[in-house]
Amino acid sequence: MRPESAHLNEKIMVNGRIHLPSHQPASVEVQRGMKIVVTDGKEVGFVGGVVVNSHSDEVTCILLCHLPVTAVYRLIPIHLIARVEAETIYLNMQFDDLETLAAHSPI
């Protein structure tokens, strides 16, 4: 769970660049609408937006919008992204672990 003050230092954007240590080139573009797939191969939703730190302009999380569309957006920390290929983001987590992700609560 993130502290309540955390969202005061962030903004939601439609796209942003993330840096994955194992990925070449050094950074990749993440944008609203990209598919999100978990380790066991299930498509679990799509990117609803990216969370950007207002001070550093660094993407800290992506927002998971579930299929079917619900009012709950889950925050996926960047370190859980295994790779990005074309229009798909692959997570390093199982489907059953999605509920453990913090829910995004706008102000």
C-alpha atoms as a PDB file:
ATOM      1  CA  MET A   1       0.000   0.000   0.000  1.00  0.00           C
ATOM      2  CA  ARG A   2       1.341   3.424  -0.911  1.00  0.00           C
ATOM      3  CA  PRO A   3       1.197   6.354   1.500  1.00  0.00           C
ATOM      4  CA  GLU A   4      -1.654   8.796   0.887  1.00  0.00           C
ATOM      5  CA  SER A   5       0.849  11.568   0.126  1.00  0.00           C
ATOM      6  CA  ALA A   6       2.427   9.528  -2.705  1.00  0.00           C
ATOM      7  CA  HIS A   7      -0.235  10.545  -5.224  1.00  0.00           C
ATOM      8  CA  LEU A   8       0.443  14.235  -4.518  1.00  0.00           C
ATOM      9  CA  ASN A   9       3.817  13.910  -6.250  1.00  0.00           C
ATOM     10  CA  GLU A  10       2.575  12.080  -9.322  1.00  0.00           C
ATOM     11  CA  LYS A  11       0.652  12.672 -12.490  1.00  0.00           C
ATOM     12  CA  ILE A  12      -1.145  10.295 -14.834  1.00  0.00           C
ATOM     13  CA  MET A  13      -0.088  10.465 -18.478  1.00  0.00           C
ATOM     14  CA  VAL A  14      -1.161   8.596 -21.632  1.00  0.00           C
ATOM     15  CA  ASN A  15       2.414   7.516 -22.382  1.00  0.00           C
ATOM     16  CA  GLY A  16       5.949   7.520 -21.054  1.00  0.00           C
ATOM     17  CA  ARG A  17       9.364   5.903 -21.435  1.00  0.00           C
ATOM     18  CA  ILE A  18      10.527   3.179 -19.062  1.00  0.00           C
ATOM     19  CA  HIS A  19      14.011   1.791 -18.535  1.00  0.00           C
ATOM     20  CA  LEU A  20      14.345  -1.987 -18.339  1.00  0.00           C
ATOM     21  CA  PRO A  21      17.850  -3.235 -17.481  1.00  0.00           C
ATOM     22  CA  SER A  22      17.608  -6.275 -19.758  1.00  0.00           C
ATOM     23  CA  HIS A  23      15.984  -4.453 -22.662  1.00  0.00           C
ATOM     24  CA  GLN A  24      17.685  -2.962 -25.696  1.00  0.00           C
ATOM     25  CA  PRO A  25      17.330  -0.129 -26.532  1.00  0.00           C
ATOM     26  CA  ALA A  26      17.841   1.324 -23.068  1.00  0.00           C
ATOM     27  CA  SER A  27      14.270   2.655 -22.833  1.00  0.00           C
ATOM     28  CA  VAL A  28      10.930   1.718 -24.369  1.00  0.00           C
ATOM     29  CA  GLU A  29       7.709   3.634 -24.899  1.00  0.00           C
ATOM     30  CA  VAL A  30       4.643   2.527 -22.921  1.00  0.00           C
ATOM     31  CA  GLN A  31       1.290   3.963 -23.940  1.00  0.00           C
ATOM     32  CA  ARG A  32      -2.389   3.725 -23.131  1.00  0.00           C
ATOM     33  CA  GLY A  33      -4.068   0.760 -24.795  1.00  0.00           C
ATOM     34  CA  MET A  34      -1.096  -1.642 -24.837  1.00  0.00           C
ATOM     35  CA  LYS A  35      -2.006  -5.229 -23.895  1.00  0.00           C
ATOM     36  CA  ILE A  36      -0.745  -6.618 -20.581  1.00  0.00           C
ATOM     37  CA  VAL A  37       0.104 -10.327 -20.306  1.00  0.00           C
ATOM     38  CA  VAL A  38       1.173 -12.247 -17.176  1.00  0.00           C
ATOM     39  CA  THR A  39       3.780 -15.027 -16.899  1.00  0.00           C
ATOM     40  CA  ASP A  40       1.252 -17.816 -17.420  1.00  0.00           C
ATOM     41  CA  GLY A  41       0.307 -16.326 -20.821  1.00  0.00           C
ATOM     42  CA  LYS A  42      -3.074 -14.805 -19.921  1.00  0.00           C
ATOM     43  CA  GLU A  43      -3.994 -11.389 -21.285  1.00  0.00           C
ATOM     44  CA  VAL A  44      -5.235  -9.557 -18.195  1.00  0.00           C
ATOM     45  CA  GLY A  45      -6.041  -6.094 -19.463  1.00  0.00           C
ATOM     46  CA  PHE A  46      -4.481  -3.051 -20.984  1.00  0.00           C
ATOM     47  CA  VAL A  47      -2.565   0.057 -19.988  1.00  0.00           C
ATOM     48  CA  GLY A  48      -4.964   2.723 -18.737  1.00  0.00           C
ATOM     49  CA  GLY A  49      -2.133   5.240 -18.275  1.00  0.00           C
ATOM     50  CA  VAL A  50       1.320   5.678 -16.807  1.00  0.00           C
ATOM     51  CA  VAL A  51       2.115   7.126 -13.382  1.00  0.00           C
ATOM     52  CA  VAL A  52       4.895   9.718 -13.563  1.00  0.00           C
ATOM     53  CA  ASN A  53       6.782  11.241 -10.623  1.00  0.00           C
ATOM     54  CA  SER A  54       6.133  15.006 -10.856  1.00  0.00           C
ATOM     55  CA  HIS A  55       9.636  15.883  -9.662  1.00  0.00           C
ATOM     56  CA  SER A  56      11.792  13.481 -11.677  1.00  0.00           C
ATOM     57  CA  ASP A  57       9.454  12.883 -14.661  1.00  0.00           C
ATOM     58  CA  GLU A  58      10.258   9.179 -14.249  1.00  0.00           C
ATOM     59  CA  VAL A  59       7.547   6.570 -14.875  1.00  0.00           C
ATOM     60  CA  THR A  60       7.041   4.697 -11.594  1.00  0.00           C
ATOM     61  CA  CYS A  61       4.022   2.501 -12.400  1.00  0.00           C
ATOM     62  CA  ILE A  62       1.615   1.640 -15.152  1.00  0.00           C
ATOM     63  CA  LEU A  63      -2.137   1.465 -14.571  1.00  0.00           C
ATOM     64  CA  LEU A  64      -3.725  -1.896 -15.327  1.00  0.00           C
ATOM     65  CA  CYS A  65      -7.275  -1.634 -16.629  1.00  0.00           C
ATOM     66  CA  HIS A  66      -8.867  -5.089 -16.317  1.00  0.00           C
ATOM     67  CA  LEU A  67     -10.851  -6.954 -18.929  1.00  0.00           C
ATOM     68  CA  PRO A  68     -13.789  -6.622 -18.691  1.00  0.00           C
ATOM     69  CA  VAL A  69     -13.507  -2.955 -17.902  1.00  0.00           C
ATOM     70  CA  THR A  70     -14.015  -2.255 -14.203  1.00  0.00           C
ATOM     71  CA  ALA A  71     -13.680   0.824 -12.059  1.00  0.00           C
ATOM     72  CA  VAL A  72     -10.595  -0.668 -10.363  1.00  0.00           C
ATOM     73  CA  TYR A  73      -7.202   0.286 -11.752  1.00  0.00           C
ATOM     74  CA  ARG A  74      -4.213  -1.616 -10.355  1.00  0.00           C
ATOM     75  CA  LEU A  75      -0.736  -0.073 -10.018  1.00  0.00           C
ATOM     76  CA  ILE A  76       1.991  -2.174 -11.608  1.00  0.00           C
ATOM     77  CA  PRO A  77       5.472  -1.144 -10.433  1.00  0.00           C
ATOM     78  CA  ILE A  78       7.985  -0.933 -13.269  1.00  0.00           C
ATOM     79  CA  HIS A  79      10.179  -3.652 -11.711  1.00  0.00           C
ATOM     80  CA  LEU A  80       7.422  -6.207 -12.456  1.00  0.00           C
ATOM     81  CA  ILE A  81       7.715  -5.624 -16.218  1.00  0.00           C
ATOM     82  CA  ALA A  82       9.735  -8.458 -17.771  1.00  0.00           C
ATOM     83  CA  ARG A  83       9.738  -7.124 -21.322  1.00  0.00           C
ATOM     84  CA  VAL A  84       7.899  -5.016 -23.886  1.00  0.00           C
ATOM     85  CA  GLU A  85       7.393  -6.332 -27.414  1.00  0.00           C
ATOM     86  CA  ALA A  86       5.460  -4.415 -30.079  1.00  0.00           C
ATOM     87  CA  GLU A  87       2.154  -3.438 -28.423  1.00  0.00           C
ATOM     88  CA  THR A  88       2.354  -5.921 -25.525  1.00  0.00           C
ATOM     89  CA  ILE A  89       3.775  -5.643 -22.009  1.00  0.00           C
ATOM     90  CA  TYR A  90       4.802  -8.918 -20.354  1.00  0.00           C
ATOM     91  CA  LEU A  91       4.777  -9.012 -16.559  1.00  0.00           C
ATOM     92  CA  ASN A  92       6.929 -11.099 -14.265  1.00  0.00           C
ATOM     93  CA  MET A  93       3.981 -12.254 -12.143  1.00  0.00           C
ATOM     94  CA  GLN A  94       1.220 -14.850 -12.183  1.00  0.00           C
ATOM     95  CA  PHE A  95      -2.468 -14.156 -12.800  1.00  0.00           C
ATOM     96  CA  ASP A  96      -3.384 -15.072  -9.211  1.00  0.00           C
ATOM     97  CA  ASP A  97      -1.042 -12.354  -7.885  1.00  0.00           C
ATOM     98  CA  LEU A  98      -2.851  -9.470  -9.631  1.00  0.00           C
ATOM     99  CA  GLU A  99      -5.151  -8.896  -6.660  1.00  0.00           C
ATOM    100  CA  THR A 100      -2.115  -8.172  -4.478  1.00  0.00           C
ATOM    101  CA  LEU A 101      -1.329  -5.042  -6.521  1.00  0.00           C
ATOM    102  CA  ALA A 102      -2.361  -1.747  -4.952  1.00  0.00           C
ATOM    103  CA  ALA A 103      -5.457  -0.092  -6.389  1.00  0.00           C
ATOM    104  CA  HIS A 104      -5.037   3.403  -7.811  1.00  0.00           C
ATOM    105  CA  SER A 105      -7.145   5.959  -5.934  1.00  0.00           C
ATOM    106  CA  PRO A 106      -7.333   9.358  -7.624  1.00  0.00           C
ATOM    107  CA  ILE A 107      -7.762  12.387  -5.406  1.00  0.00           C
END
